[in-house]
């Protein structure tokens, strides 16, 4: 098997053990062996659904958003790999991806993307009309984000706009409209993404220079930790503002303090010159998101 140090495709994952051989390239194209991206797409949906709910969040909505996050993260990965296939072939870490290696043809990738989008539409159709419209609008971001690293050192900002769109959809699914708490929560998510995805980008600095693409890791360099402090401080302040606007009870503030401590640990402990540590800190944002989900639910119940 290919060494995990030389490729971003995990060796001996559940795909290798359990999936039919014909399905494996498609599952890898969706990054189903790397669920962190799905978590980061899903969590803002759960935050806003819990924030908008009068008590316990609607379990049906929570499940629908989980299914939708799997599907739309997969669709986004396909768009990204189609856009980056020429770049990916120049880098050892990405040279074994299904499109670059020839395991899936471009035509097959487009057909699979169409299937993913139709499945995503089927999930979206379970929501109210306003939420359907908000969700459909995210496609503009999904299809433009992969090209941003060619033109700006701030592609992480565009990823933040894309990955946190669920903060708007979740609120709309409950209330049939948008209100200030959802907009503030969305802004908090954008700053959160600026932090975690810049940490992620630090593991790719050499490869990005090699292929000629831009990132905040290259832009900020040794000043990154100071910027992380700013990004994550804005995240905590804006999440707190969203909770206050929504009238959450005291457990929310306890949970937010714990979540803030987690972000502070990331900043203080991350070694930006060790790719494995950057990846570990990036993945730890799932834990931040789950802590915050629990805080919002508890704060809503206490209110």
C-alpha atoms as a PDB file:
ATOM      1  CA  UNK A   1       0.000   0.000   0.000  1.00  0.00           C
ATOM      2  CA  UNK A   2       1.020   3.603  -0.541  1.00  0.00           C
ATOM      3  CA  UNK A   3       2.576   5.207   2.493  1.00  0.00           C
ATOM      4  CA  UNK A   4       0.274   7.583   4.279  1.00  0.00           C
ATOM      5  CA  UNK A   5       3.152  10.055   4.387  1.00  0.00           C
ATOM      6  CA  UNK A   6       3.179  10.286   0.600  1.00  0.00           C
ATOM      7  CA  UNK A   7      -0.546  10.487  -0.088  1.00  0.00           C
ATOM      8  CA  UNK A   8      -3.625  12.091   1.435  1.00  0.00           C
ATOM      9  CA  UNK A   9      -5.601   8.872   0.838  1.00  0.00           C
ATOM     10  CA  UNK A  10      -5.561   6.868   4.100  1.00  0.00           C
ATOM     11  CA  UNK A  11      -4.292   3.323   3.808  1.00  0.00           C
ATOM     12  CA  UNK A  12      -6.411   0.446   5.102  1.00  0.00           C
ATOM     13  CA  UNK A  13      -9.497   2.604   5.690  1.00  0.00           C
ATOM     14  CA  UNK A  14     -13.003   1.183   5.922  1.00  0.00           C
ATOM     15  CA  UNK A  15     -13.281   1.739   2.161  1.00  0.00           C
ATOM     16  CA  UNK A  16     -10.455  -0.747   1.548  1.00  0.00           C
ATOM     17  CA  UNK A  17     -11.876  -3.260   4.004  1.00  0.00           C
ATOM     18  CA  UNK A  18     -15.583  -3.161   3.283  1.00  0.00           C
ATOM     19  CA  UNK A  19     -16.515  -1.343   0.052  1.00  0.00           C
ATOM     20  CA  UNK A  20     -16.837  -3.167  -3.306  1.00  0.00           C
ATOM     21  CA  UNK A  21     -13.796  -2.502  -5.469  1.00  0.00           C
ATOM     22  CA  UNK A  22     -15.850  -0.726  -8.151  1.00  0.00           C
ATOM     23  CA  UNK A  23     -17.211   1.734  -5.587  1.00  0.00           C
ATOM     24  CA  UNK A  24     -13.903   2.584  -3.912  1.00  0.00           C
ATOM     25  CA  UNK A  25     -12.734   5.355  -6.284  1.00  0.00           C
ATOM     26  CA  UNK A  26     -16.110   7.118  -5.983  1.00  0.00           C
ATOM     27  CA  UNK A  27     -16.127   6.900  -2.183  1.00  0.00           C
ATOM     28  CA  UNK A  28     -12.574   8.266  -2.099  1.00  0.00           C
ATOM     29  CA  UNK A  29     -13.586  11.051  -4.475  1.00  0.00           C
ATOM     30  CA  UNK A  30     -16.242  12.015  -1.887  1.00  0.00           C
ATOM     31  CA  UNK A  31     -13.583  11.853   0.878  1.00  0.00           C
ATOM     32  CA  UNK A  32     -15.784   9.472   2.866  1.00  0.00           C
ATOM     33  CA  UNK A  33     -12.632   8.049   4.423  1.00  0.00           C
ATOM     34  CA  UNK A  34     -11.908  11.530   5.852  1.00  0.00           C
ATOM     35  CA  UNK A  35     -15.083  12.670   7.626  1.00  0.00           C
ATOM     36  CA  UNK A  36     -13.687  15.870   9.181  1.00  0.00           C
ATOM     37  CA  UNK A  37     -14.878  17.943   6.218  1.00  0.00           C
ATOM     38  CA  UNK A  38     -18.403  16.612   6.667  1.00  0.00           C
ATOM     39  CA  UNK A  39     -18.328  17.531  10.353  1.00  0.00           C
ATOM     40  CA  UNK A  40     -17.154  21.070   9.606  1.00  0.00           C
ATOM     41  CA  UNK A  41     -19.966  21.497   7.074  1.00  0.00           C
ATOM     42  CA  UNK A  42     -22.592  19.962   9.358  1.00  0.00           C
ATOM     43  CA  UNK A  43     -21.853  21.689  12.660  1.00  0.00           C
ATOM     44  CA  UNK A  44     -23.031  25.209  11.686  1.00  0.00           C
ATOM     45  CA  UNK A  45     -26.319  23.616  10.546  1.00  0.00           C
ATOM     46  CA  UNK A  46     -26.732  22.016  13.951  1.00  0.00           C
ATOM     47  CA  UNK A  47     -25.767  25.220  15.768  1.00  0.00           C
ATOM     48  CA  UNK A  48     -28.397  27.295  14.028  1.00  0.00           C
ATOM     49  CA  UNK A  49     -31.091  24.622  14.247  1.00  0.00           C
ATOM     50  CA  UNK A  50     -30.526  24.379  18.005  1.00  0.00           C
ATOM     51  CA  UNK A  51     -30.339  28.171  18.349  1.00  0.00           C
ATOM     52  CA  UNK A  52     -33.645  28.615  16.507  1.00  0.00           C
ATOM     53  CA  UNK A  53     -35.521  25.834  18.297  1.00  0.00           C
ATOM     54  CA  UNK A  54     -37.883  26.540  21.239  1.00  0.00           C
ATOM     55  CA  UNK A  55     -36.556  23.494  23.116  1.00  0.00           C
ATOM     56  CA  UNK A  56     -34.809  20.361  21.958  1.00  0.00           C
ATOM     57  CA  UNK A  57     -33.811  20.726  18.281  1.00  0.00           C
ATOM     58  CA  UNK A  58     -35.983  18.842  15.797  1.00  0.00           C
ATOM     59  CA  UNK A  59     -34.379  15.405  15.386  1.00  0.00           C
ATOM     60  CA  UNK A  60     -35.697  15.104  11.843  1.00  0.00           C
ATOM     61  CA  UNK A  61     -33.928  18.317  10.832  1.00  0.00           C
ATOM     62  CA  UNK A  62     -30.718  17.250  12.536  1.00  0.00           C
ATOM     63  CA  UNK A  63     -30.714  13.958  10.600  1.00  0.00           C
ATOM     64  CA  UNK A  64     -31.590  15.673   7.305  1.00  0.00           C
ATOM     65  CA  UNK A  65     -28.695  18.085   7.757  1.00  0.00           C
ATOM     66  CA  UNK A  66     -26.340  15.194   8.514  1.00  0.00           C
ATOM     67  CA  UNK A  67     -27.346  13.423   5.306  1.00  0.00           C
ATOM     68  CA  UNK A  68     -27.154  16.669   3.354  1.00  0.00           C
ATOM     69  CA  UNK A  69     -23.685  17.447   4.723  1.00  0.00           C
ATOM     70  CA  UNK A  70     -22.363  14.060   3.569  1.00  0.00           C
ATOM     71  CA  UNK A  71     -23.810  14.561   0.103  1.00  0.00           C
ATOM     72  CA  UNK A  72     -22.830  18.204  -0.385  1.00  0.00           C
ATOM     73  CA  UNK A  73     -19.354  17.762   1.032  1.00  0.00           C
ATOM     74  CA  UNK A  74     -18.918  14.955  -1.491  1.00  0.00           C
ATOM     75  CA  UNK A  75     -20.183  17.187  -4.295  1.00  0.00           C
ATOM     76  CA  UNK A  76     -17.816  19.943  -3.234  1.00  0.00           C
ATOM     77  CA  UNK A  77     -14.876  17.546  -3.269  1.00  0.00           C
ATOM     78  CA  UNK A  78     -15.736  16.494  -6.809  1.00  0.00           C
ATOM     79  CA  UNK A  79     -15.887  20.131  -7.953  1.00  0.00           C
ATOM     80  CA  UNK A  80     -12.576  20.799  -6.189  1.00  0.00           C
ATOM     81  CA  UNK A  81     -10.835  17.804  -7.766  1.00  0.00           C
ATOM     82  CA  UNK A  82     -12.140  18.649 -11.227  1.00  0.00           C
ATOM     83  CA  UNK A  83     -10.808  22.188 -10.853  1.00  0.00           C
ATOM     84  CA  UNK A  84      -7.465  21.097  -9.356  1.00  0.00           C
ATOM     85  CA  UNK A  85      -6.674  17.984 -11.382  1.00  0.00           C
ATOM     86  CA  UNK A  86      -3.720  19.631 -13.156  1.00  0.00           C
ATOM     87  CA  UNK A  87      -2.296  20.892  -9.846  1.00  0.00           C
ATOM     88  CA  UNK A  88      -2.890  17.619  -7.999  1.00  0.00           C
ATOM     89  CA  UNK A  89      -0.785  15.664 -10.473  1.00  0.00           C
ATOM     90  CA  UNK A  90       2.281  17.734  -9.579  1.00  0.00           C
ATOM     91  CA  UNK A  91       2.175  16.950  -5.853  1.00  0.00           C
ATOM     92  CA  UNK A  92       2.985  13.550  -4.354  1.00  0.00           C
ATOM     93  CA  UNK A  93       0.327  13.911  -1.636  1.00  0.00           C
ATOM     94  CA  UNK A  94      -2.485  14.342  -4.158  1.00  0.00           C
ATOM     95  CA  UNK A  95      -1.160  12.415  -7.161  1.00  0.00           C
ATOM     96  CA  UNK A  96      -3.091   9.270  -6.230  1.00  0.00           C
ATOM     97  CA  UNK A  97      -6.504  10.944  -6.075  1.00  0.00           C
ATOM     98  CA  UNK A  98      -9.033   9.140  -8.279  1.00  0.00           C
ATOM     99  CA  UNK A  99      -9.246  11.763 -11.031  1.00  0.00           C
ATOM    100  CA  UNK A 100      -5.505  12.281 -11.299  1.00  0.00           C
ATOM    101  CA  UNK A 101      -4.664   8.575 -11.198  1.00  0.00           C
ATOM    102  CA  UNK A 102      -7.261   7.734 -13.843  1.00  0.00           C
ATOM    103  CA  UNK A 103      -9.366   5.573 -11.540  1.00  0.00           C
ATOM    104  CA  UNK A 104     -12.303   7.810 -12.505  1.00  0.00           C
ATOM    105  CA  UNK A 105     -12.647   9.643 -15.813  1.00  0.00           C
ATOM    106  CA  UNK A 106     -13.717  13.267 -16.083  1.00  0.00           C
ATOM    107  CA  UNK A 107     -16.989  12.173 -17.663  1.00  0.00           C
ATOM    108  CA  UNK A 108     -17.662   9.748 -14.821  1.00  0.00           C
ATOM    109  CA  UNK A 109     -16.858  12.471 -12.279  1.00  0.00           C
ATOM    110  CA  UNK A 110     -19.374  14.855 -13.861  1.00  0.00           C
ATOM    111  CA  UNK A 111     -22.026  12.132 -13.908  1.00  0.00           C
ATOM    112  CA  UNK A 112     -21.356  11.356 -10.257  1.00  0.00           C
ATOM    113  CA  UNK A 113     -21.483  15.057  -9.407  1.00  0.00           C
ATOM    114  CA  UNK A 114     -24.909  15.308 -11.078  1.00  0.00           C
ATOM    115  CA  UNK A 115     -26.120  12.360  -9.000  1.00  0.00           C
ATOM    116  CA  UNK A 116     -24.835  13.997  -5.812  1.00  0.00           C
ATOM    117  CA  UNK A 117     -26.572  17.275  -6.628  1.00  0.00           C
ATOM    118  CA  UNK A 118     -29.859  15.497  -7.310  1.00  0.00           C
ATOM    119  CA  UNK A 119     -29.609  13.696  -3.981  1.00  0.00           C
ATOM    120  CA  UNK A 120     -28.815  16.988  -2.279  1.00  0.00           C
ATOM    121  CA  UNK A 121     -31.871  18.556  -3.901  1.00  0.00           C
ATOM    122  CA  UNK A 122     -34.010  15.681  -2.631  1.00  0.00           C
ATOM    123  CA  UNK A 123     -32.830  16.386   0.922  1.00  0.00           C
ATOM    124  CA  UNK A 124     -33.316  20.143   0.525  1.00  0.00           C
ATOM    125  CA  UNK A 125     -36.855  19.573  -0.755  1.00  0.00           C
ATOM    126  CA  UNK A 126     -37.837  18.305   2.701  1.00  0.00           C
ATOM    127  CA  UNK A 127     -37.504  21.853   4.064  1.00  0.00           C
ATOM    128  CA  UNK A 128     -39.767  24.885   3.720  1.00  0.00           C
ATOM    129  CA  UNK A 129     -39.644  27.001   0.562  1.00  0.00           C
ATOM    130  CA  UNK A 130     -37.558  29.798   2.069  1.00  0.00           C
ATOM    131  CA  UNK A 131     -34.958  27.326   3.352  1.00  0.00           C
ATOM    132  CA  UNK A 132     -34.891  25.609  -0.054  1.00  0.00           C
ATOM    133  CA  UNK A 133     -34.090  28.934  -1.701  1.00  0.00           C
ATOM    134  CA  UNK A 134     -31.362  29.742   0.818  1.00  0.00           C
ATOM    135  CA  UNK A 135     -29.849  26.268   0.428  1.00  0.00           C
ATOM    136  CA  UNK A 136     -29.896  26.402  -3.370  1.00  0.00           C
ATOM    137  CA  UNK A 137     -28.089  29.758  -3.292  1.00  0.00           C
ATOM    138  CA  UNK A 138     -25.072  28.044  -1.732  1.00  0.00           C
ATOM    139  CA  UNK A 139     -24.293  26.374  -5.065  1.00  0.00           C
ATOM    140  CA  UNK A 140     -22.823  29.647  -6.331  1.00  0.00           C
ATOM    141  CA  UNK A 141     -20.215  29.431  -3.578  1.00  0.00           C
ATOM    142  CA  UNK A 142     -19.664  25.686  -4.011  1.00  0.00           C
ATOM    143  CA  UNK A 143     -18.760  26.131  -7.673  1.00  0.00           C
ATOM    144  CA  UNK A 144     -16.599  29.256  -7.295  1.00  0.00           C
ATOM    145  CA  UNK A 145     -14.596  28.481  -4.139  1.00  0.00           C
ATOM    146  CA  UNK A 146     -12.105  26.029  -5.757  1.00  0.00           C
ATOM    147  CA  UNK A 147     -10.831  28.778  -8.061  1.00  0.00           C
ATOM    148  CA  UNK A 148     -10.198  31.370  -5.347  1.00  0.00           C
ATOM    149  CA  UNK A 149      -6.705  30.155  -4.461  1.00  0.00           C
ATOM    150  CA  UNK A 150      -5.646  31.106  -7.974  1.00  0.00           C
ATOM    151  CA  UNK A 151      -6.558  34.767  -7.517  1.00  0.00           C
ATOM    152  CA  UNK A 152      -6.335  35.669  -3.803  1.00  0.00           C
ATOM    153  CA  UNK A 153      -4.321  34.911  -0.689  1.00  0.00           C
ATOM    154  CA  UNK A 154      -7.657  34.763   1.167  1.00  0.00           C
ATOM    155  CA  UNK A 155      -9.297  31.587  -0.198  1.00  0.00           C
ATOM    156  CA  UNK A 156     -10.019  30.640   3.439  1.00  0.00           C
ATOM    157  CA  UNK A 157     -12.490  33.539   3.589  1.00  0.00           C
ATOM    158  CA  UNK A 158     -14.414  32.094   0.649  1.00  0.00           C
ATOM    159  CA  UNK A 159     -14.328  28.651   2.236  1.00  0.00           C
ATOM    160  CA  UNK A 160     -15.784  30.228   5.371  1.00  0.00           C
ATOM    161  CA  UNK A 161     -18.636  31.758   3.390  1.00  0.00           C
ATOM    162  CA  UNK A 162     -19.285  28.356   1.803  1.00  0.00           C
ATOM    163  CA  UNK A 163     -18.885  25.946   4.721  1.00  0.00           C
ATOM    164  CA  UNK A 164     -20.934  28.006   7.169  1.00  0.00           C
ATOM    165  CA  UNK A 165     -23.912  28.576   4.884  1.00  0.00           C
ATOM    166  CA  UNK A 166     -25.751  25.965   6.922  1.00  0.00           C
ATOM    167  CA  UNK A 167     -25.983  28.507   9.754  1.00  0.00           C
ATOM    168  CA  UNK A 168     -28.479  30.334   7.560  1.00  0.00           C
ATOM    169  CA  UNK A 169     -30.262  27.222   6.307  1.00  0.00           C
ATOM    170  CA  UNK A 170     -30.749  25.752   9.787  1.00  0.00           C
ATOM    171  CA  UNK A 171     -32.416  28.884  11.118  1.00  0.00           C
ATOM    172  CA  UNK A 172     -34.538  29.223   7.977  1.00  0.00           C
ATOM    173  CA  UNK A 173     -35.641  25.586   8.273  1.00  0.00           C
ATOM    174  CA  UNK A 174     -37.084  26.315  11.731  1.00  0.00           C
ATOM    175  CA  UNK A 175     -38.460  29.836  11.268  1.00  0.00           C
ATOM    176  CA  UNK A 176     -39.069  30.150   7.525  1.00  0.00           C
ATOM    177  CA  UNK A 177     -36.959  33.322   7.400  1.00  0.00           C
ATOM    178  CA  UNK A 178     -33.706  34.877   8.615  1.00  0.00           C
ATOM    179  CA  UNK A 179     -33.123  36.912  11.749  1.00  0.00           C
ATOM    180  CA  UNK A 180     -30.189  38.627  13.430  1.00  0.00           C
ATOM    181  CA  UNK A 181     -28.996  35.604  15.486  1.00  0.00           C
ATOM    182  CA  UNK A 182     -28.546  33.519  12.335  1.00  0.00           C
ATOM    183  CA  UNK A 183     -26.611  36.260  10.529  1.00  0.00           C
ATOM    184  CA  UNK A 184     -24.323  36.825  13.524  1.00  0.00           C
ATOM    185  CA  UNK A 185     -23.771  33.073  13.890  1.00  0.00           C
ATOM    186  CA  UNK A 186     -22.888  32.867  10.199  1.00  0.00           C
ATOM    187  CA  UNK A 187     -20.290  35.603  10.634  1.00  0.00           C
ATOM    188  CA  UNK A 188     -18.864  33.723  13.638  1.00  0.00           C
ATOM    189  CA  UNK A 189     -18.500  30.613  11.500  1.00  0.00           C
ATOM    190  CA  UNK A 190     -16.616  32.519   8.813  1.00  0.00           C
ATOM    191  CA  UNK A 191     -14.029  33.692  11.355  1.00  0.00           C
ATOM    192  CA  UNK A 192     -13.811  30.153  12.765  1.00  0.00           C
ATOM    193  CA  UNK A 193     -13.011  28.831   9.291  1.00  0.00           C
ATOM    194  CA  UNK A 194     -10.384  31.523   8.748  1.00  0.00           C
ATOM    195  CA  UNK A 195      -8.614  30.096  11.781  1.00  0.00           C
ATOM    196  CA  UNK A 196      -8.899  26.352  11.264  1.00  0.00           C
ATOM    197  CA  UNK A 197      -8.347  26.336   7.513  1.00  0.00           C
ATOM    198  CA  UNK A 198      -5.257  28.520   7.791  1.00  0.00           C
ATOM    199  CA  UNK A 199      -3.884  25.981  10.283  1.00  0.00           C
ATOM    200  CA  UNK A 200      -4.669  23.304   7.695  1.00  0.00           C
ATOM    201  CA  UNK A 201      -3.004  25.340   4.947  1.00  0.00           C
ATOM    202  CA  UNK A 202       0.276  25.461   6.878  1.00  0.00           C
ATOM    203  CA  UNK A 203       0.806  21.764   6.154  1.00  0.00           C
ATOM    204  CA  UNK A 204       0.584  22.522   2.415  1.00  0.00           C
ATOM    205  CA  UNK A 205       2.911  25.532   2.239  1.00  0.00           C
ATOM    206  CA  UNK A 206       5.666  23.860   0.222  1.00  0.00           C
ATOM    207  CA  UNK A 207       3.217  22.221  -2.178  1.00  0.00           C
ATOM    208  CA  UNK A 208       1.311  25.485  -2.687  1.00  0.00           C
ATOM    209  CA  UNK A 209       4.532  27.269  -3.611  1.00  0.00           C
ATOM    210  CA  UNK A 210       5.430  24.416  -5.962  1.00  0.00           C
ATOM    211  CA  UNK A 211       2.180  24.581  -7.933  1.00  0.00           C
ATOM    212  CA  UNK A 212       1.752  28.350  -7.663  1.00  0.00           C
ATOM    213  CA  UNK A 213      -1.445  28.735  -5.616  1.00  0.00           C
ATOM    214  CA  UNK A 214      -2.162  31.138  -2.759  1.00  0.00           C
ATOM    215  CA  UNK A 215      -3.258  30.724   0.855  1.00  0.00           C
ATOM    216  CA  UNK A 216      -3.378  32.635   4.116  1.00  0.00           C
ATOM    217  CA  UNK A 217      -0.614  30.381   5.442  1.00  0.00           C
ATOM    218  CA  UNK A 218       1.709  31.859   2.810  1.00  0.00           C
ATOM    219  CA  UNK A 219       0.376  35.383   3.297  1.00  0.00           C
ATOM    220  CA  UNK A 220       0.604  35.471   7.086  1.00  0.00           C
ATOM    221  CA  UNK A 221       3.669  33.293   7.590  1.00  0.00           C
ATOM    222  CA  UNK A 222       5.241  33.647  11.036  1.00  0.00           C
ATOM    223  CA  UNK A 223       2.533  36.133  12.068  1.00  0.00           C
ATOM    224  CA  UNK A 224      -0.171  33.471  11.738  1.00  0.00           C
ATOM    225  CA  UNK A 225      -0.644  32.825  15.452  1.00  0.00           C
ATOM    226  CA  UNK A 226      -1.438  36.471  16.135  1.00  0.00           C
ATOM    227  CA  UNK A 227      -4.021  36.359  13.360  1.00  0.00           C
ATOM    228  CA  UNK A 228      -5.441  33.112  14.768  1.00  0.00           C
ATOM    229  CA  UNK A 229      -5.978  34.935  18.052  1.00  0.00           C
ATOM    230  CA  UNK A 230      -7.933  37.606  16.196  1.00  0.00           C
ATOM    231  CA  UNK A 231      -9.963  35.149  14.125  1.00  0.00           C
ATOM    232  CA  UNK A 232     -10.866  32.962  17.090  1.00  0.00           C
ATOM    233  CA  UNK A 233     -11.600  35.927  19.388  1.00  0.00           C
ATOM    234  CA  UNK A 234     -14.062  37.210  16.785  1.00  0.00           C
ATOM    235  CA  UNK A 235     -15.570  33.724  16.610  1.00  0.00           C
ATOM    236  CA  UNK A 236     -16.200  33.569  20.350  1.00  0.00           C
ATOM    237  CA  UNK A 237     -17.511  37.138  20.581  1.00  0.00           C
ATOM    238  CA  UNK A 238     -19.908  36.661  17.672  1.00  0.00           C
ATOM    239  CA  UNK A 239     -21.160  33.293  18.909  1.00  0.00           C
ATOM    240  CA  UNK A 240     -21.757  34.962  22.280  1.00  0.00           C
ATOM    241  CA  UNK A 241     -23.650  37.769  20.562  1.00  0.00           C
ATOM    242  CA  UNK A 242     -25.810  35.258  18.674  1.00  0.00           C
ATOM    243  CA  UNK A 243     -26.577  33.445  21.921  1.00  0.00           C
ATOM    244  CA  UNK A 244     -27.480  36.691  23.666  1.00  0.00           C
ATOM    245  CA  UNK A 245     -29.752  37.749  20.809  1.00  0.00           C
ATOM    246  CA  UNK A 246     -31.470  34.357  20.961  1.00  0.00           C
ATOM    247  CA  UNK A 247     -31.908  34.605  24.733  1.00  0.00           C
ATOM    248  CA  UNK A 248     -29.933  31.497  25.701  1.00  0.00           C
ATOM    249  CA  UNK A 249     -29.602  30.552  29.360  1.00  0.00           C
ATOM    250  CA  UNK A 250     -26.533  30.315  31.593  1.00  0.00           C
ATOM    251  CA  UNK A 251     -25.328  26.826  30.490  1.00  0.00           C
ATOM    252  CA  UNK A 252     -24.585  28.294  27.072  1.00  0.00           C
ATOM    253  CA  UNK A 253     -22.039  30.679  28.575  1.00  0.00           C
ATOM    254  CA  UNK A 254     -20.305  27.870  30.462  1.00  0.00           C
ATOM    255  CA  UNK A 255     -20.088  25.801  27.274  1.00  0.00           C
ATOM    256  CA  UNK A 256     -18.874  28.795  25.283  1.00  0.00           C
ATOM    257  CA  UNK A 257     -16.082  29.344  27.812  1.00  0.00           C
ATOM    258  CA  UNK A 258     -15.012  25.706  27.419  1.00  0.00           C
ATOM    259  CA  UNK A 259     -15.131  26.023  23.621  1.00  0.00           C
ATOM    260  CA  UNK A 260     -13.063  29.228  23.818  1.00  0.00           C
ATOM    261  CA  UNK A 261     -10.494  27.374  25.889  1.00  0.00           C
ATOM    262  CA  UNK A 262     -10.254  24.745  23.185  1.00  0.00           C
ATOM    263  CA  UNK A 263      -9.526  27.413  20.563  1.00  0.00           C
ATOM    264  CA  UNK A 264      -6.908  28.994  22.823  1.00  0.00           C
ATOM    265  CA  UNK A 265      -5.225  25.596  23.187  1.00  0.00           C
ATOM    266  CA  UNK A 266      -5.073  25.282  19.383  1.00  0.00           C
ATOM    267  CA  UNK A 267      -3.313  28.630  19.067  1.00  0.00           C
ATOM    268  CA  UNK A 268      -0.827  28.031  21.865  1.00  0.00           C
ATOM    269  CA  UNK A 269       0.004  24.414  21.087  1.00  0.00           C
ATOM    270  CA  UNK A 270       0.040  24.163  17.295  1.00  0.00           C
ATOM    271  CA  UNK A 271       3.451  23.774  15.655  1.00  0.00           C
ATOM    272  CA  UNK A 272       3.061  25.398  12.259  1.00  0.00           C
ATOM    273  CA  UNK A 273       6.225  23.741  10.977  1.00  0.00           C
ATOM    274  CA  UNK A 274       4.960  20.212  11.696  1.00  0.00           C
ATOM    275  CA  UNK A 275       2.371  19.162   9.094  1.00  0.00           C
ATOM    276  CA  UNK A 276       1.061  16.296  11.221  1.00  0.00           C
ATOM    277  CA  UNK A 277       0.419  18.627  14.144  1.00  0.00           C
ATOM    278  CA  UNK A 278      -1.322  21.137  11.876  1.00  0.00           C
ATOM    279  CA  UNK A 279      -3.591  18.348  10.647  1.00  0.00           C
ATOM    280  CA  UNK A 280      -4.318  17.181  14.201  1.00  0.00           C
ATOM    281  CA  UNK A 281      -5.230  20.691  15.360  1.00  0.00           C
ATOM    282  CA  UNK A 282      -7.383  21.193  12.276  1.00  0.00           C
ATOM    283  CA  UNK A 283      -9.275  17.966  12.997  1.00  0.00           C
ATOM    284  CA  UNK A 284      -9.774  18.984  16.627  1.00  0.00           C
ATOM    285  CA  UNK A 285     -12.242  21.612  15.432  1.00  0.00           C
ATOM    286  CA  UNK A 286     -14.854  18.873  15.323  1.00  0.00           C
ATOM    287  CA  UNK A 287     -14.566  18.797  19.123  1.00  0.00           C
ATOM    288  CA  UNK A 288     -14.936  22.577  19.332  1.00  0.00           C
ATOM    289  CA  UNK A 289     -18.060  22.334  17.181  1.00  0.00           C
ATOM    290  CA  UNK A 290     -19.610  19.565  19.258  1.00  0.00           C
ATOM    291  CA  UNK A 291     -18.902  21.437  22.505  1.00  0.00           C
ATOM    292  CA  UNK A 292     -20.624  24.480  21.051  1.00  0.00           C
ATOM    293  CA  UNK A 293     -23.585  22.402  19.858  1.00  0.00           C
ATOM    294  CA  UNK A 294     -24.058  21.030  23.369  1.00  0.00           C
ATOM    295  CA  UNK A 295     -23.719  24.538  24.823  1.00  0.00           C
ATOM    296  CA  UNK A 296     -26.429  25.940  22.542  1.00  0.00           C
ATOM    297  CA  UNK A 297     -28.827  23.061  23.242  1.00  0.00           C
ATOM    298  CA  UNK A 298     -28.264  23.353  27.008  1.00  0.00           C
ATOM    299  CA  UNK A 299     -28.641  27.130  26.880  1.00  0.00           C
ATOM    300  CA  UNK A 300     -31.878  26.837  24.938  1.00  0.00           C
ATOM    301  CA  UNK A 301     -33.334  24.289  27.357  1.00  0.00           C
ATOM    302  CA  UNK A 302     -32.350  26.450  30.338  1.00  0.00           C
ATOM    303  CA  UNK A 303     -34.016  29.457  28.753  1.00  0.00           C
END
